[in-house]
Amino acid sequence: MTQTVDVHLDYQPQPKQQLLHTTQARLILYGGAVGGGKSHAIRWDLIQWCLAIPGINCMLFRRTLGELEENHIEQIQDEIPPELGNYNVTKNIFRFYNGSRIKFAYCEKEQDVKRYQGAEIHVLGVDEAAHLTQFQLSYLIGRCRLGKFRQDVPEKYRHLLPRAVFGSNPGGPGHSFLKREFIDLAPPNKLFRNTKFKDPRSE
């Protein structure tokens, strides 16, 4: 007989954070002022996908490992109770007991992104995305794909995956790219189709 354990997760999203979690978009720019909860929302977006779909592979990027440790790795170890999973310090991966995982990764140098050439990212989060370059951001978008995992995704979620969320303030190497591909093409909170990017669901 399986014993059910009640687990409390201390996350109450604000309206803008809730909009991120419920949008039908799959390529998302989440902007806002410093201290507006972007990092928190992006991390919890990945957490919620991990809890919803066993075996899903999520990756969360920042420019440096130090920034990841300060803004995400320490926090997730406090936020997720041991009944749900644990953090592997050596591999920088939080593994959930349902088989899902969040890999914490960084791209401090331009070519660092090529470490993930063969990655299959089901849900991508990039915190402070404008700190990365256009090349790095485009490269990571190209790693967003489901592959054979598509058959394991519940039908109600398939139209929402793969998914990429970029959190950003103005300024930085990737600012012009993000402005051109998101802000210039539609007003805030507006769904639109960017025909420049191949639809990974067609693979």
N, C-alpha and C. Protein backbone atom coordinates (compact mmCIF):
# COMPACT_ATOMS: atom_id res chain seq x y z
N MET A 1 0.85 -1.19 0.00
CA MET A 1 0.00 0.00 0.00
C MET A 1 0.88 1.25 0.00
N THR A 2 0.64 2.16 -0.94
CA THR A 2 1.43 3.37 -1.06
C THR A 2 0.91 4.44 -0.11
N GLN A 3 1.83 5.04 0.63
CA GLN A 3 1.45 6.08 1.57
C GLN A 3 1.57 7.45 0.91
N THR A 4 0.52 8.25 1.02
CA THR A 4 0.53 9.59 0.45
C THR A 4 1.06 10.58 1.47
N VAL A 5 1.98 11.43 1.05
CA VAL A 5 2.57 12.43 1.93
C VAL A 5 2.15 13.81 1.46
N ASP A 6 1.58 14.59 2.37
CA ASP A 6 1.21 15.96 2.04
C ASP A 6 2.44 16.85 2.11
N VAL A 7 2.68 17.60 1.03
CA VAL A 7 3.85 18.48 0.96
C VAL A 7 3.38 19.90 0.69
N HIS A 8 3.84 20.82 1.48
CA HIS A 8 3.47 22.24 1.30
C HIS A 8 4.57 22.95 0.52
N LEU A 9 4.19 23.61 -0.57
CA LEU A 9 5.13 24.41 -1.36
C LEU A 9 4.79 25.87 -1.17
N ASP A 10 5.74 26.62 -0.69
CA ASP A 10 5.51 28.02 -0.32
C ASP A 10 5.75 28.94 -1.51
N TYR A 11 4.82 28.93 -2.45
CA TYR A 11 4.92 29.81 -3.60
C TYR A 11 3.52 30.31 -3.97
N GLN A 12 3.32 31.60 -3.83
CA GLN A 12 2.06 32.23 -4.19
C GLN A 12 2.36 33.29 -5.27
N PRO A 13 2.20 32.94 -6.56
CA PRO A 13 2.57 33.87 -7.62
C PRO A 13 1.74 35.14 -7.64
N GLN A 14 2.41 36.25 -7.92
CA GLN A 14 1.73 37.51 -8.16
C GLN A 14 1.08 37.46 -9.54
N PRO A 15 0.18 38.41 -9.86
CA PRO A 15 -0.54 38.35 -11.14
C PRO A 15 0.36 38.21 -12.36
N LYS A 16 1.46 38.96 -12.42
CA LYS A 16 2.35 38.87 -13.58
C LYS A 16 3.05 37.51 -13.62
N GLN A 17 3.42 37.00 -12.46
CA GLN A 17 4.03 35.68 -12.41
C GLN A 17 3.02 34.61 -12.83
N GLN A 18 1.79 34.76 -12.40
CA GLN A 18 0.75 33.81 -12.77
C GLN A 18 0.50 33.82 -14.27
N LEU A 19 0.59 35.00 -14.88
CA LEU A 19 0.43 35.09 -16.33
C LEU A 19 1.52 34.30 -17.04
N LEU A 20 2.74 34.37 -16.53
CA LEU A 20 3.82 33.57 -17.10
C LEU A 20 3.48 32.08 -17.05
N HIS A 21 2.99 31.62 -15.92
CA HIS A 21 2.73 30.19 -15.73
C HIS A 21 1.56 29.68 -16.57
N THR A 22 0.65 30.57 -16.94
CA THR A 22 -0.57 30.12 -17.62
C THR A 22 -0.62 30.49 -19.10
N THR A 23 0.36 31.25 -19.60
CA THR A 23 0.32 31.64 -21.00
C THR A 23 0.42 30.43 -21.93
N GLN A 24 -0.22 30.57 -23.09
CA GLN A 24 -0.15 29.52 -24.11
C GLN A 24 1.08 29.67 -24.99
N ALA A 25 1.84 30.74 -24.81
CA ALA A 25 3.05 30.97 -25.60
C ALA A 25 4.12 29.96 -25.22
N ARG A 26 5.00 29.66 -26.17
CA ARG A 26 6.10 28.73 -25.92
C ARG A 26 7.47 29.41 -25.97
N LEU A 27 7.52 30.63 -26.47
CA LEU A 27 8.75 31.41 -26.49
C LEU A 27 8.40 32.75 -25.86
N ILE A 28 8.94 33.01 -24.67
CA ILE A 28 8.42 34.07 -23.81
C ILE A 28 9.54 34.99 -23.34
N LEU A 29 9.30 36.29 -23.42
CA LEU A 29 10.17 37.29 -22.79
C LEU A 29 9.44 37.83 -21.57
N TYR A 30 10.04 37.66 -20.42
CA TYR A 30 9.46 38.13 -19.16
C TYR A 30 10.33 39.28 -18.67
N GLY A 31 9.88 40.50 -18.90
CA GLY A 31 10.65 41.68 -18.54
C GLY A 31 10.15 42.30 -17.26
N GLY A 32 10.87 43.32 -16.81
CA GLY A 32 10.46 44.01 -15.60
C GLY A 32 11.64 44.62 -14.88
N ALA A 33 11.34 45.40 -13.86
CA ALA A 33 12.36 46.11 -13.10
C ALA A 33 13.12 45.14 -12.20
N VAL A 34 14.27 45.60 -11.73
CA VAL A 34 15.06 44.82 -10.77
C VAL A 34 14.22 44.63 -9.51
N GLY A 35 14.23 43.40 -9.00
CA GLY A 35 13.46 43.12 -7.79
C GLY A 35 12.00 42.83 -8.05
N GLY A 36 11.64 42.64 -9.32
CA GLY A 36 10.24 42.41 -9.66
C GLY A 36 9.81 40.95 -9.61
N GLY A 37 10.68 40.06 -9.21
CA GLY A 37 10.30 38.66 -9.05
C GLY A 37 10.52 37.80 -10.28
N LYS A 38 11.32 38.27 -11.25
CA LYS A 38 11.53 37.48 -12.48
C LYS A 38 12.26 36.17 -12.19
N SER A 39 13.34 36.25 -11.44
CA SER A 39 14.13 35.05 -11.15
C SER A 39 13.27 34.01 -10.42
N HIS A 40 12.54 34.48 -9.45
CA HIS A 40 11.67 33.60 -8.68
C HIS A 40 10.64 32.92 -9.58
N ALA A 41 10.03 33.71 -10.45
CA ALA A 41 8.99 33.18 -11.34
C ALA A 41 9.55 32.17 -12.33
N ILE A 42 10.71 32.46 -12.91
CA ILE A 42 11.30 31.54 -13.89
C ILE A 42 11.66 30.22 -13.22
N ARG A 43 12.26 30.30 -12.04
CA ARG A 43 12.63 29.06 -11.33
C ARG A 43 11.38 28.23 -11.03
N TRP A 44 10.32 28.89 -10.58
CA TRP A 44 9.11 28.16 -10.24
C TRP A 44 8.35 27.69 -11.47
N ASP A 45 8.54 28.35 -12.58
CA ASP A 45 7.94 27.85 -13.81
C ASP A 45 8.53 26.48 -14.13
N LEU A 46 9.85 26.36 -14.00
CA LEU A 46 10.50 25.07 -14.24
C LEU A 46 10.10 24.04 -13.19
N ILE A 47 10.02 24.46 -11.93
CA ILE A 47 9.63 23.55 -10.86
C ILE A 47 8.24 22.97 -11.13
N GLN A 48 7.32 23.83 -11.54
CA GLN A 48 5.95 23.38 -11.77
C GLN A 48 5.87 22.39 -12.93
N TRP A 49 6.67 22.61 -13.97
CA TRP A 49 6.71 21.64 -15.07
C TRP A 49 7.27 20.31 -14.60
N CYS A 50 8.29 20.36 -13.75
CA CYS A 50 8.88 19.13 -13.23
C CYS A 50 7.88 18.34 -12.38
N LEU A 51 7.07 19.03 -11.63
CA LEU A 51 6.08 18.36 -10.80
C LEU A 51 4.92 17.83 -11.63
N ALA A 52 4.63 18.49 -12.74
CA ALA A 52 3.47 18.11 -13.57
C ALA A 52 3.76 16.94 -14.50
N ILE A 53 5.01 16.85 -15.02
CA ILE A 53 5.32 15.85 -16.04
C ILE A 53 6.55 15.05 -15.63
N PRO A 54 6.37 13.82 -15.19
CA PRO A 54 7.51 12.98 -14.82
C PRO A 54 8.49 12.83 -15.99
N GLY A 55 9.78 12.94 -15.68
CA GLY A 55 10.81 12.72 -16.68
C GLY A 55 11.17 13.92 -17.53
N ILE A 56 10.53 15.06 -17.30
CA ILE A 56 10.82 16.23 -18.13
C ILE A 56 12.21 16.78 -17.81
N ASN A 57 12.88 17.31 -18.84
CA ASN A 57 14.24 17.83 -18.70
C ASN A 57 14.22 19.35 -18.84
N CYS A 58 14.49 20.04 -17.74
CA CYS A 58 14.51 21.51 -17.73
C CYS A 58 15.94 21.99 -17.50
N MET A 59 16.25 23.15 -18.06
CA MET A 59 17.56 23.76 -17.84
C MET A 59 17.37 25.24 -17.51
N LEU A 60 18.13 25.71 -16.52
CA LEU A 60 18.07 27.10 -16.11
C LEU A 60 19.46 27.70 -16.24
N PHE A 61 19.57 28.75 -17.06
CA PHE A 61 20.85 29.39 -17.36
C PHE A 61 20.96 30.77 -16.73
N ARG A 62 22.18 31.10 -16.32
CA ARG A 62 22.62 32.47 -16.11
C ARG A 62 24.02 32.57 -16.68
N ARG A 63 24.56 33.77 -16.68
CA ARG A 63 25.86 33.95 -17.32
C ARG A 63 26.97 33.25 -16.55
N THR A 64 26.93 33.28 -15.21
CA THR A 64 28.00 32.67 -14.43
C THR A 64 27.44 31.69 -13.39
N LEU A 65 28.30 30.76 -12.97
CA LEU A 65 27.92 29.81 -11.94
C LEU A 65 27.64 30.53 -10.63
N GLY A 66 28.43 31.56 -10.33
CA GLY A 66 28.22 32.31 -9.10
C GLY A 66 26.84 32.93 -9.04
N GLU A 67 26.36 33.45 -10.16
CA GLU A 67 25.02 34.04 -10.21
C GLU A 67 23.95 32.97 -10.01
N LEU A 68 24.18 31.80 -10.56
CA LEU A 68 23.24 30.69 -10.36
C LEU A 68 23.17 30.30 -8.89
N GLU A 69 24.32 30.19 -8.26
CA GLU A 69 24.36 29.80 -6.85
C GLU A 69 23.66 30.83 -5.98
N GLU A 70 23.89 32.09 -6.26
CA GLU A 70 23.33 33.16 -5.43
C GLU A 70 21.84 33.35 -5.65
N ASN A 71 21.37 33.15 -6.88
CA ASN A 71 19.99 33.50 -7.22
C ASN A 71 19.05 32.31 -7.38
N HIS A 72 19.60 31.08 -7.51
CA HIS A 72 18.72 29.95 -7.77
C HIS A 72 19.06 28.67 -7.00
N ILE A 73 20.32 28.28 -6.99
CA ILE A 73 20.69 26.99 -6.41
C ILE A 73 20.43 26.96 -4.91
N GLU A 74 20.84 28.01 -4.20
CA GLU A 74 20.58 28.06 -2.76
C GLU A 74 19.09 28.07 -2.48
N GLN A 75 18.34 28.80 -3.30
CA GLN A 75 16.91 28.95 -3.07
C GLN A 75 16.13 27.66 -3.29
N ILE A 76 16.46 26.94 -4.37
CA ILE A 76 15.67 25.75 -4.67
C ILE A 76 15.88 24.67 -3.59
N GLN A 77 17.04 24.65 -2.99
CA GLN A 77 17.28 23.67 -1.92
C GLN A 77 16.45 23.98 -0.68
N ASP A 78 16.11 25.26 -0.49
CA ASP A 78 15.24 25.65 0.62
C ASP A 78 13.76 25.48 0.25
N GLU A 79 13.43 25.68 -1.03
CA GLU A 79 12.04 25.70 -1.45
C GLU A 79 11.43 24.31 -1.64
N ILE A 80 12.23 23.36 -2.08
CA ILE A 80 11.70 22.03 -2.38
C ILE A 80 12.03 21.07 -1.24
N PRO A 81 11.02 20.54 -0.59
CA PRO A 81 11.26 19.63 0.54
C PRO A 81 11.90 18.32 0.09
N PRO A 82 12.63 17.67 0.98
CA PRO A 82 13.35 16.44 0.61
C PRO A 82 12.42 15.31 0.17
N GLU A 83 11.14 15.40 0.49
CA GLU A 83 10.21 14.37 0.05
C GLU A 83 10.04 14.37 -1.47
N LEU A 84 10.39 15.49 -2.13
CA LEU A 84 10.18 15.62 -3.58
C LEU A 84 11.43 15.41 -4.40
N GLY A 85 12.61 15.64 -3.82
CA GLY A 85 13.83 15.48 -4.60
C GLY A 85 15.04 16.00 -3.85
N ASN A 86 16.20 16.01 -4.54
CA ASN A 86 17.41 16.49 -3.90
C ASN A 86 18.36 17.08 -4.94
N TYR A 87 19.32 17.84 -4.44
CA TYR A 87 20.26 18.55 -5.31
C TYR A 87 21.60 17.85 -5.34
N ASN A 88 22.11 17.61 -6.56
CA ASN A 88 23.43 17.01 -6.76
C ASN A 88 24.44 18.14 -6.96
N VAL A 89 25.28 18.36 -5.96
CA VAL A 89 26.22 19.49 -5.99
C VAL A 89 27.24 19.32 -7.11
N THR A 90 27.69 18.11 -7.35
CA THR A 90 28.72 17.86 -8.35
C THR A 90 28.23 18.16 -9.76
N LYS A 91 26.99 17.78 -10.07
CA LYS A 91 26.45 17.93 -11.42
C LYS A 91 25.56 19.15 -11.58
N ASN A 92 25.34 19.90 -10.49
CA ASN A 92 24.46 21.08 -10.54
C ASN A 92 23.08 20.73 -11.09
N ILE A 93 22.51 19.66 -10.57
CA ILE A 93 21.19 19.19 -11.02
C ILE A 93 20.30 18.97 -9.80
N PHE A 94 19.09 19.50 -9.87
CA PHE A 94 18.08 19.13 -8.88
C PHE A 94 17.22 18.04 -9.51
N ARG A 95 17.22 16.87 -8.89
CA ARG A 95 16.47 15.73 -9.39
C ARG A 95 15.23 15.50 -8.53
N PHE A 96 14.09 15.44 -9.21
CA PHE A 96 12.85 15.11 -8.54
C PHE A 96 12.67 13.59 -8.57
N TYR A 97 11.98 13.06 -7.58
CA TYR A 97 11.84 11.61 -7.49
C TYR A 97 10.90 11.04 -8.55
N ASN A 98 10.20 11.89 -9.28
CA ASN A 98 9.37 11.40 -10.40
C ASN A 98 10.17 11.29 -11.70
N GLY A 99 11.49 11.54 -11.63
CA GLY A 99 12.34 11.43 -12.81
C GLY A 99 12.61 12.73 -13.52
N SER A 100 11.95 13.81 -13.12
CA SER A 100 12.19 15.12 -13.72
C SER A 100 13.45 15.74 -13.14
N ARG A 101 13.98 16.75 -13.85
CA ARG A 101 15.20 17.38 -13.34
C ARG A 101 15.33 18.80 -13.85
N ILE A 102 16.04 19.60 -13.07
CA ILE A 102 16.44 20.95 -13.49
C ILE A 102 17.96 21.00 -13.45
N LYS A 103 18.57 21.21 -14.60
CA LYS A 103 20.02 21.37 -14.70
C LYS A 103 20.35 22.85 -14.66
N PHE A 104 21.23 23.27 -13.76
CA PHE A 104 21.66 24.66 -13.66
C PHE A 104 22.94 24.82 -14.46
N ALA A 105 22.90 25.71 -15.46
CA ALA A 105 24.01 25.82 -16.41
C ALA A 105 24.36 27.29 -16.64
N TYR A 106 25.56 27.51 -17.15
CA TYR A 106 26.01 28.89 -17.36
C TYR A 106 26.82 29.00 -18.65
N CYS A 107 26.88 30.22 -19.17
CA CYS A 107 27.61 30.51 -20.42
C CYS A 107 28.39 31.80 -20.22
N GLU A 108 29.48 31.71 -19.49
CA GLU A 108 30.25 32.91 -19.18
C GLU A 108 30.99 33.42 -20.41
N LYS A 109 31.51 32.49 -21.23
CA LYS A 109 32.20 32.86 -22.46
C LYS A 109 31.33 32.50 -23.66
N GLU A 110 31.58 33.16 -24.77
CA GLU A 110 30.75 32.99 -25.97
C GLU A 110 30.60 31.53 -26.37
N GLN A 111 31.70 30.78 -26.35
CA GLN A 111 31.67 29.41 -26.84
C GLN A 111 31.22 28.40 -25.77
N ASP A 112 31.01 28.85 -24.54
CA ASP A 112 30.56 27.94 -23.49
C ASP A 112 29.24 27.27 -23.85
N VAL A 113 28.44 27.96 -24.63
CA VAL A 113 27.12 27.44 -24.98
C VAL A 113 27.21 26.15 -25.78
N LYS A 114 28.33 25.95 -26.45
CA LYS A 114 28.48 24.74 -27.28
C LYS A 114 28.65 23.48 -26.45
N ARG A 115 28.82 23.63 -25.15
CA ARG A 115 28.82 22.46 -24.27
C ARG A 115 27.48 21.75 -24.32
N TYR A 116 26.45 22.46 -24.76
CA TYR A 116 25.10 21.91 -24.74
C TYR A 116 24.59 21.60 -26.15
N GLN A 117 25.53 21.35 -27.05
CA GLN A 117 25.18 21.10 -28.45
C GLN A 117 24.20 19.95 -28.60
N GLY A 118 24.40 18.88 -27.85
CA GLY A 118 23.54 17.72 -27.98
C GLY A 118 22.38 17.69 -27.01
N ALA A 119 22.17 18.79 -26.31
CA ALA A 119 21.12 18.80 -25.29
C ALA A 119 19.73 18.74 -25.91
N GLU A 120 18.84 18.09 -25.20
CA GLU A 120 17.42 18.09 -25.55
C GLU A 120 16.71 18.77 -24.39
N ILE A 121 16.39 20.05 -24.58
CA ILE A 121 15.81 20.85 -23.51
C ILE A 121 14.30 20.93 -23.72
N HIS A 122 13.55 20.40 -22.78
CA HIS A 122 12.09 20.43 -22.90
C HIS A 122 11.53 21.77 -22.43
N VAL A 123 12.10 22.29 -21.34
CA VAL A 123 11.74 23.64 -20.86
C VAL A 123 13.03 24.37 -20.52
N LEU A 124 13.23 25.51 -21.16
CA LEU A 124 14.43 26.33 -20.98
C LEU A 124 14.09 27.61 -20.23
N GLY A 125 14.89 27.92 -19.23
CA GLY A 125 14.78 29.21 -18.56
C GLY A 125 16.13 29.92 -18.64
N VAL A 126 16.11 31.18 -19.04
CA VAL A 126 17.34 31.98 -19.06
C VAL A 126 17.09 33.23 -18.23
N ASP A 127 17.73 33.31 -17.09
CA ASP A 127 17.57 34.45 -16.19
C ASP A 127 18.59 35.53 -16.57
N GLU A 128 18.14 36.79 -16.59
CA GLU A 128 18.97 37.90 -17.07
C GLU A 128 19.50 37.57 -18.46
N ALA A 129 18.57 37.29 -19.36
CA ALA A 129 18.92 36.82 -20.70
C ALA A 129 19.74 37.83 -21.50
N ALA A 130 19.53 39.11 -21.25
CA ALA A 130 20.28 40.13 -22.00
C ALA A 130 21.76 40.11 -21.68
N HIS A 131 22.17 39.42 -20.62
CA HIS A 131 23.59 39.28 -20.30
C HIS A 131 24.28 38.27 -21.22
N LEU A 132 23.48 37.45 -21.92
CA LEU A 132 24.02 36.53 -22.91
C LEU A 132 23.98 37.19 -24.28
N THR A 133 24.71 36.67 -25.24
CA THR A 133 24.77 37.25 -26.57
C THR A 133 23.67 36.69 -27.47
N GLN A 134 23.46 37.36 -28.59
CA GLN A 134 22.50 36.86 -29.58
C GLN A 134 22.85 35.43 -30.00
N PHE A 135 24.12 35.17 -30.24
CA PHE A 135 24.54 33.83 -30.63
C PHE A 135 24.16 32.81 -29.57
N GLN A 136 24.44 33.11 -28.31
CA GLN A 136 24.15 32.18 -27.23
C GLN A 136 22.64 31.93 -27.10
N LEU A 137 21.85 32.99 -27.15
CA LEU A 137 20.41 32.85 -27.00
C LEU A 137 19.80 32.06 -28.16
N SER A 138 20.23 32.37 -29.38
CA SER A 138 19.73 31.64 -30.54
C SER A 138 20.13 30.17 -30.48
N TYR A 139 21.34 29.91 -30.03
CA TYR A 139 21.84 28.54 -29.91
C TYR A 139 20.99 27.74 -28.94
N LEU A 140 20.66 28.34 -27.80
CA LEU A 140 19.86 27.65 -26.80
C LEU A 140 18.44 27.40 -27.29
N ILE A 141 17.88 28.35 -28.01
CA ILE A 141 16.55 28.14 -28.59
C ILE A 141 16.58 26.90 -29.50
N GLY A 142 17.66 26.74 -30.23
CA GLY A 142 17.80 25.60 -31.12
C GLY A 142 17.91 24.26 -30.41
N ARG A 143 18.20 24.27 -29.11
CA ARG A 143 18.27 23.04 -28.33
C ARG A 143 16.92 22.69 -27.70
N CYS A 144 15.94 23.56 -27.84
CA CYS A 144 14.60 23.30 -27.29
C CYS A 144 13.86 22.35 -28.21
N ARG A 145 13.67 21.14 -27.77
CA ARG A 145 13.02 20.11 -28.57
C ARG A 145 12.57 18.99 -27.64
N LEU A 146 11.63 18.19 -28.13
CA LEU A 146 11.10 17.11 -27.32
C LEU A 146 11.64 15.74 -27.71
N GLY A 147 11.94 15.56 -29.00
CA GLY A 147 12.41 14.26 -29.45
C GLY A 147 11.42 13.16 -29.11
N LYS A 148 11.92 12.02 -28.68
CA LYS A 148 11.06 10.88 -28.35
C LYS A 148 10.26 11.10 -27.07
N PHE A 149 10.65 12.12 -26.29
CA PHE A 149 9.91 12.40 -25.06
C PHE A 149 8.48 12.87 -25.34
N ARG A 150 8.23 13.33 -26.57
CA ARG A 150 6.89 13.81 -26.92
C ARG A 150 5.82 12.79 -26.57
N GLN A 151 6.12 11.53 -26.80
CA GLN A 151 5.12 10.48 -26.56
C GLN A 151 4.81 10.30 -25.08
N ASP A 152 5.69 10.80 -24.21
CA ASP A 152 5.48 10.69 -22.77
C ASP A 152 4.79 11.92 -22.18
N VAL A 153 4.61 12.95 -23.00
CA VAL A 153 3.96 14.18 -22.52
C VAL A 153 2.44 14.00 -22.57
N PRO A 154 1.73 14.22 -21.47
CA PRO A 154 0.28 14.13 -21.51
C PRO A 154 -0.31 15.02 -22.59
N GLU A 155 -1.35 14.57 -23.22
CA GLU A 155 -1.94 15.27 -24.36
C GLU A 155 -2.26 16.73 -24.04
N LYS A 156 -2.72 17.01 -22.85
CA LYS A 156 -3.13 18.38 -22.50
C LYS A 156 -1.97 19.36 -22.46
N TYR A 157 -0.71 18.84 -22.44
CA TYR A 157 0.45 19.72 -22.37
C TYR A 157 1.23 19.81 -23.68
N ARG A 158 0.93 18.96 -24.65
CA ARG A 158 1.79 18.86 -25.83
C ARG A 158 1.86 20.15 -26.63
N HIS A 159 0.79 20.92 -26.67
CA HIS A 159 0.81 22.16 -27.46
C HIS A 159 1.60 23.26 -26.76
N LEU A 160 2.04 23.02 -25.53
CA LEU A 160 2.77 24.03 -24.76
C LEU A 160 4.28 23.77 -24.72
N LEU A 161 4.70 22.65 -25.30
CA LEU A 161 6.11 22.26 -25.23
C LEU A 161 6.67 22.00 -26.63
N PRO A 162 8.00 22.20 -26.79
CA PRO A 162 8.96 22.73 -25.83
C PRO A 162 8.71 24.20 -25.54
N ARG A 163 9.35 24.70 -24.52
CA ARG A 163 9.05 26.04 -24.00
C ARG A 163 10.35 26.72 -23.60
N ALA A 164 10.43 28.03 -23.84
CA ALA A 164 11.60 28.81 -23.43
C ALA A 164 11.13 30.13 -22.82
N VAL A 165 11.70 30.46 -21.67
CA VAL A 165 11.36 31.69 -20.97
C VAL A 165 12.64 32.50 -20.75
N PHE A 166 12.64 33.73 -21.25
CA PHE A 166 13.77 34.63 -21.07
C PHE A 166 13.36 35.75 -20.12
N GLY A 167 14.03 35.85 -18.98
CA GLY A 167 13.80 36.95 -18.06
C GLY A 167 14.88 38.00 -18.28
N SER A 168 14.48 39.28 -18.33
CA SER A 168 15.51 40.27 -18.67
C SER A 168 15.11 41.68 -18.25
N ASN A 169 16.14 42.46 -17.90
CA ASN A 169 16.05 43.91 -17.80
C ASN A 169 16.66 44.49 -19.06
N PRO A 170 16.40 45.77 -19.35
CA PRO A 170 17.05 46.40 -20.51
C PRO A 170 18.57 46.46 -20.33
N GLY A 171 19.28 46.44 -21.47
CA GLY A 171 20.73 46.57 -21.45
C GLY A 171 21.43 45.23 -21.49
N GLY A 172 22.67 45.23 -22.00
CA GLY A 172 23.45 44.02 -22.08
C GLY A 172 23.63 43.56 -23.51
N PRO A 173 24.54 42.59 -23.74
CA PRO A 173 24.85 42.12 -25.10
C PRO A 173 23.64 41.61 -25.87
N GLY A 174 22.68 40.99 -25.17
CA GLY A 174 21.53 40.42 -25.87
C GLY A 174 20.33 41.33 -25.96
N HIS A 175 20.48 42.59 -25.52
CA HIS A 175 19.34 43.51 -25.48
C HIS A 175 18.71 43.73 -26.85
N SER A 176 19.52 44.01 -27.85
CA SER A 176 18.99 44.31 -29.19
C SER A 176 18.27 43.10 -29.78
N PHE A 177 18.80 41.92 -29.56
CA PHE A 177 18.16 40.69 -30.06
C PHE A 177 16.79 40.49 -29.42
N LEU A 178 16.71 40.63 -28.11
CA LEU A 178 15.44 40.44 -27.42
C LEU A 178 14.43 41.51 -27.81
N LYS A 179 14.90 42.73 -27.95
CA LYS A 179 14.00 43.82 -28.36
C LYS A 179 13.45 43.56 -29.75
N ARG A 180 14.32 43.15 -30.66
CA ARG A 180 13.91 42.93 -32.06
C ARG A 180 12.94 41.75 -32.19
N GLU A 181 13.19 40.68 -31.44
CA GLU A 181 12.41 39.46 -31.62
C GLU A 181 11.17 39.39 -30.75
N PHE A 182 11.05 40.27 -29.77
CA PHE A 182 9.88 40.26 -28.91
C PHE A 182 9.19 41.62 -28.85
N ILE A 183 9.87 42.63 -28.32
CA ILE A 183 9.24 43.90 -28.03
C ILE A 183 8.79 44.63 -29.28
N ASP A 184 9.59 44.60 -30.33
CA ASP A 184 9.25 45.32 -31.57
C ASP A 184 8.13 44.65 -32.35
N LEU A 185 7.84 43.40 -32.06
CA LEU A 185 6.87 42.65 -32.87
C LEU A 185 5.46 42.64 -32.30
N ALA A 186 5.31 42.98 -31.02
CA ALA A 186 3.98 42.93 -30.42
C ALA A 186 3.97 43.71 -29.11
N PRO A 187 2.81 44.21 -28.71
CA PRO A 187 2.70 44.90 -27.42
C PRO A 187 2.81 43.91 -26.27
N PRO A 188 3.01 44.40 -25.04
CA PRO A 188 3.12 43.50 -23.88
C PRO A 188 1.89 42.60 -23.73
N ASN A 189 2.15 41.38 -23.27
CA ASN A 189 1.11 40.39 -22.98
C ASN A 189 0.32 39.97 -24.21
N LYS A 190 0.92 40.12 -25.38
CA LYS A 190 0.26 39.78 -26.64
C LYS A 190 0.88 38.52 -27.23
N LEU A 191 0.04 37.54 -27.56
CA LEU A 191 0.52 36.35 -28.26
C LEU A 191 0.72 36.66 -29.73
N PHE A 192 1.84 36.21 -30.31
CA PHE A 192 2.08 36.40 -31.74
C PHE A 192 2.97 35.28 -32.23
N ARG A 193 3.00 35.10 -33.54
CA ARG A 193 3.83 34.06 -34.15
C ARG A 193 5.07 34.69 -34.76
N ASN A 194 6.24 34.23 -34.33
CA ASN A 194 7.50 34.70 -34.90
C ASN A 194 7.95 33.67 -35.93
N THR A 195 7.79 33.98 -37.18
CA THR A 195 8.05 33.01 -38.25
C THR A 195 9.54 32.76 -38.48
N LYS A 196 10.41 33.53 -37.83
CA LYS A 196 11.84 33.32 -38.00
C LYS A 196 12.31 32.04 -37.32
N PHE A 197 11.60 31.61 -36.30
CA PHE A 197 12.02 30.45 -35.54
C PHE A 197 11.25 29.22 -35.99
N LYS A 198 11.97 28.16 -36.26
CA LYS A 198 11.36 26.90 -36.63
C LYS A 198 10.54 26.36 -35.46
N ASP A 199 9.36 25.84 -35.77
CA ASP A 199 8.53 25.24 -34.74
C ASP A 199 9.09 23.87 -34.39
N PRO A 200 9.64 23.70 -33.15
CA PRO A 200 10.26 22.42 -32.79
C PRO A 200 9.25 21.28 -32.78
N ARG A 201 7.96 21.57 -32.71
CA ARG A 201 6.97 20.50 -32.69
C ARG A 201 6.87 19.79 -34.03
N SER A 202 7.45 20.41 -35.08
CA SER A 202 7.38 19.80 -36.41
C SER A 202 8.47 18.77 -36.64
N GLU A 203 9.41 18.64 -35.67
CA GLU A 203 10.52 17.69 -35.84
C GLU A 203 10.03 16.25 -35.80
